[in-house]
């Protein structure tokens, strides 16, 4: 009778890491931000990335942003043009998963200036 119990424990232990790996984290958000966002928004999120000089509109200074998280999710997922902002802001919803986007938002929150 111990074998079914061991199988259940094994399956349960396999499920936990998968769920934890998909949980949004600030560290994961920082990695994604550096890979996808920093070229335009800059390493510190001030809108001064190396690619910003080539864009028709300056990227947002995320340290000053007070946009709510739901708005940021849509902006990151759908892109700036879909949200009435700069069309230079690409839609990342086809590239980044929802937990990835949530992680980026967690990281953006660390860049915001506290009032």
C-alpha atoms as a PDB file:
ATOM      1  CA  UNK A   1       0.000   0.000   0.000  1.00  0.00           C
ATOM      2  CA  UNK A   2       2.962   2.376   0.256  1.00  0.00           C
ATOM      3  CA  UNK A   3       3.465   2.551  -3.505  1.00  0.00           C
ATOM      4  CA  UNK A   4       0.266   4.520  -4.350  1.00  0.00           C
ATOM      5  CA  UNK A   5       1.104   6.943  -1.547  1.00  0.00           C
ATOM      6  CA  UNK A   6       4.622   7.403  -2.930  1.00  0.00           C
ATOM      7  CA  UNK A   7       3.230   8.001  -6.407  1.00  0.00           C
ATOM      8  CA  UNK A   8       0.838  10.655  -5.092  1.00  0.00           C
ATOM      9  CA  UNK A   9       3.666  12.359  -3.178  1.00  0.00           C
ATOM     10  CA  UNK A  10       5.917  12.255  -6.224  1.00  0.00           C
ATOM     11  CA  UNK A  11       3.251  13.754  -8.475  1.00  0.00           C
ATOM     12  CA  UNK A  12       2.470  16.449  -5.908  1.00  0.00           C
ATOM     13  CA  UNK A  13       6.130  17.367  -5.583  1.00  0.00           C
ATOM     14  CA  UNK A  14       6.447  17.678  -9.349  1.00  0.00           C
ATOM     15  CA  UNK A  15       3.454  20.028  -9.526  1.00  0.00           C
ATOM     16  CA  UNK A  16       4.779  22.489  -6.953  1.00  0.00           C
ATOM     17  CA  UNK A  17       7.991  23.492  -8.757  1.00  0.00           C
ATOM     18  CA  UNK A  18       6.119  24.004 -12.031  1.00  0.00           C
ATOM     19  CA  UNK A  19       3.656  26.355 -10.350  1.00  0.00           C
ATOM     20  CA  UNK A  20       6.450  28.149  -8.494  1.00  0.00           C
ATOM     21  CA  UNK A  21       8.463  28.541 -11.703  1.00  0.00           C
ATOM     22  CA  UNK A  22       5.495  30.299 -13.297  1.00  0.00           C
ATOM     23  CA  UNK A  23       4.978  32.698 -10.385  1.00  0.00           C
ATOM     24  CA  UNK A  24       5.875  36.297 -11.195  1.00  0.00           C
ATOM     25  CA  UNK A  25       8.978  37.621  -9.418  1.00  0.00           C
ATOM     26  CA  UNK A  26      10.867  40.898  -9.426  1.00  0.00           C
ATOM     27  CA  UNK A  27      14.113  39.100 -10.302  1.00  0.00           C
ATOM     28  CA  UNK A  28      12.499  37.477 -13.334  1.00  0.00           C
ATOM     29  CA  UNK A  29      11.042  40.870 -14.274  1.00  0.00           C
ATOM     30  CA  UNK A  30      14.467  42.491 -14.112  1.00  0.00           C
ATOM     31  CA  UNK A  31      15.919  39.866 -16.446  1.00  0.00           C
ATOM     32  CA  UNK A  32      13.072  40.299 -18.930  1.00  0.00           C
ATOM     33  CA  UNK A  33      13.233  44.106 -18.667  1.00  0.00           C
ATOM     34  CA  UNK A  34      16.941  44.100 -19.473  1.00  0.00           C
ATOM     35  CA  UNK A  35      16.364  41.819 -22.468  1.00  0.00           C
ATOM     36  CA  UNK A  36      13.267  43.476 -23.964  1.00  0.00           C
ATOM     37  CA  UNK A  37      12.748  46.949 -22.507  1.00  0.00           C
ATOM     38  CA  UNK A  38      16.061  48.544 -21.561  1.00  0.00           C
ATOM     39  CA  UNK A  39      17.103  49.275 -25.154  1.00  0.00           C
ATOM     40  CA  UNK A  40      14.387  51.935 -25.302  1.00  0.00           C
ATOM     41  CA  UNK A  41      13.474  52.651 -21.676  1.00  0.00           C
ATOM     42  CA  UNK A  42      17.060  52.510 -20.386  1.00  0.00           C
ATOM     43  CA  UNK A  43      18.569  50.337 -17.679  1.00  0.00           C
ATOM     44  CA  UNK A  44      17.052  52.537 -14.976  1.00  0.00           C
ATOM     45  CA  UNK A  45      13.728  52.988 -16.781  1.00  0.00           C
ATOM     46  CA  UNK A  46      14.220  56.725 -17.446  1.00  0.00           C
ATOM     47  CA  UNK A  47      13.433  56.504 -21.184  1.00  0.00           C
ATOM     48  CA  UNK A  48      17.065  57.014 -22.100  1.00  0.00           C
ATOM     49  CA  UNK A  49      18.049  53.678 -23.618  1.00  0.00           C
ATOM     50  CA  UNK A  50      20.423  53.546 -26.586  1.00  0.00           C
ATOM     51  CA  UNK A  51      17.568  52.984 -29.049  1.00  0.00           C
ATOM     52  CA  UNK A  52      15.578  55.939 -27.689  1.00  0.00           C
ATOM     53  CA  UNK A  53      17.543  58.361 -29.875  1.00  0.00           C
ATOM     54  CA  UNK A  54      16.251  56.662 -33.023  1.00  0.00           C
ATOM     55  CA  UNK A  55      12.556  56.735 -32.087  1.00  0.00           C
ATOM     56  CA  UNK A  56      10.087  59.413 -33.242  1.00  0.00           C
ATOM     57  CA  UNK A  57       8.679  59.654 -29.683  1.00  0.00           C
ATOM     58  CA  UNK A  58      10.666  59.472 -26.466  1.00  0.00           C
ATOM     59  CA  UNK A  59      10.002  56.283 -24.494  1.00  0.00           C
ATOM     60  CA  UNK A  60       8.209  56.767 -21.203  1.00  0.00           C
ATOM     61  CA  UNK A  61      10.231  57.564 -18.121  1.00  0.00           C
ATOM     62  CA  UNK A  62       9.007  54.671 -16.005  1.00  0.00           C
ATOM     63  CA  UNK A  63      10.436  56.156 -12.815  1.00  0.00           C
ATOM     64  CA  UNK A  64       7.771  58.875 -13.049  1.00  0.00           C
ATOM     65  CA  UNK A  65       4.933  56.614 -14.226  1.00  0.00           C
ATOM     66  CA  UNK A  66       1.898  56.232 -12.007  1.00  0.00           C
ATOM     67  CA  UNK A  67      -0.067  54.086 -14.463  1.00  0.00           C
ATOM     68  CA  UNK A  68      -2.064  51.347 -12.727  1.00  0.00           C
ATOM     69  CA  UNK A  69      -0.925  47.755 -13.144  1.00  0.00           C
ATOM     70  CA  UNK A  70      -3.960  46.763 -15.236  1.00  0.00           C
ATOM     71  CA  UNK A  71      -3.123  49.541 -17.701  1.00  0.00           C
ATOM     72  CA  UNK A  72       0.533  48.469 -17.814  1.00  0.00           C
ATOM     73  CA  UNK A  73      -0.530  44.882 -18.561  1.00  0.00           C
ATOM     74  CA  UNK A  74      -2.567  46.056 -21.544  1.00  0.00           C
ATOM     75  CA  UNK A  75       0.137  48.448 -22.726  1.00  0.00           C
ATOM     76  CA  UNK A  76       2.843  45.788 -22.580  1.00  0.00           C
ATOM     77  CA  UNK A  77       0.614  43.101 -24.101  1.00  0.00           C
ATOM     78  CA  UNK A  78      -1.076  45.132 -26.840  1.00  0.00           C
ATOM     79  CA  UNK A  79       1.563  47.774 -27.563  1.00  0.00           C
ATOM     80  CA  UNK A  80       1.484  51.550 -27.486  1.00  0.00           C
ATOM     81  CA  UNK A  81      -0.503  52.047 -30.685  1.00  0.00           C
ATOM     82  CA  UNK A  82      -3.388  49.928 -29.402  1.00  0.00           C
ATOM     83  CA  UNK A  83      -3.518  52.045 -26.252  1.00  0.00           C
ATOM     84  CA  UNK A  84      -3.392  55.452 -27.963  1.00  0.00           C
ATOM     85  CA  UNK A  85       0.282  55.872 -27.125  1.00  0.00           C
ATOM     86  CA  UNK A  86       3.368  55.716 -29.316  1.00  0.00           C
ATOM     87  CA  UNK A  87       3.230  53.041 -32.007  1.00  0.00           C
ATOM     88  CA  UNK A  88       6.969  52.585 -31.377  1.00  0.00           C
ATOM     89  CA  UNK A  89       6.083  50.635 -28.228  1.00  0.00           C
ATOM     90  CA  UNK A  90       5.759  47.056 -29.500  1.00  0.00           C
ATOM     91  CA  UNK A  91       3.138  44.561 -28.396  1.00  0.00           C
ATOM     92  CA  UNK A  92       4.868  41.938 -26.284  1.00  0.00           C
ATOM     93  CA  UNK A  93       1.811  39.750 -25.632  1.00  0.00           C
ATOM     94  CA  UNK A  94       2.802  37.284 -28.349  1.00  0.00           C
ATOM     95  CA  UNK A  95       6.331  37.014 -26.983  1.00  0.00           C
ATOM     96  CA  UNK A  96       5.962  37.244 -23.204  1.00  0.00           C
ATOM     97  CA  UNK A  97       3.663  35.076 -21.111  1.00  0.00           C
ATOM     98  CA  UNK A  98       1.220  36.653 -18.635  1.00  0.00           C
ATOM     99  CA  UNK A  99       3.525  35.700 -15.704  1.00  0.00           C
ATOM    100  CA  UNK A 100       6.440  37.285 -17.602  1.00  0.00           C
ATOM    101  CA  UNK A 101       4.470  40.502 -18.045  1.00  0.00           C
ATOM    102  CA  UNK A 102       3.443  40.464 -14.382  1.00  0.00           C
ATOM    103  CA  UNK A 103       7.112  40.029 -13.481  1.00  0.00           C
ATOM    104  CA  UNK A 104       8.079  43.033 -15.604  1.00  0.00           C
ATOM    105  CA  UNK A 105       5.432  45.105 -13.824  1.00  0.00           C
ATOM    106  CA  UNK A 106       6.816  44.022 -10.444  1.00  0.00           C
ATOM    107  CA  UNK A 107      10.224  45.213 -11.601  1.00  0.00           C
ATOM    108  CA  UNK A 108       8.851  48.495 -12.978  1.00  0.00           C
ATOM    109  CA  UNK A 109       7.359  49.125  -9.542  1.00  0.00           C
ATOM    110  CA  UNK A 110      10.889  49.002  -8.086  1.00  0.00           C
ATOM    111  CA  UNK A 111      12.000  51.681 -10.567  1.00  0.00           C
ATOM    112  CA  UNK A 112       9.220  54.106  -9.724  1.00  0.00           C
ATOM    113  CA  UNK A 113      10.148  57.047  -7.566  1.00  0.00           C
ATOM    114  CA  UNK A 114       8.446  56.923  -4.218  1.00  0.00           C
ATOM    115  CA  UNK A 115       6.420  59.980  -3.230  1.00  0.00           C
END
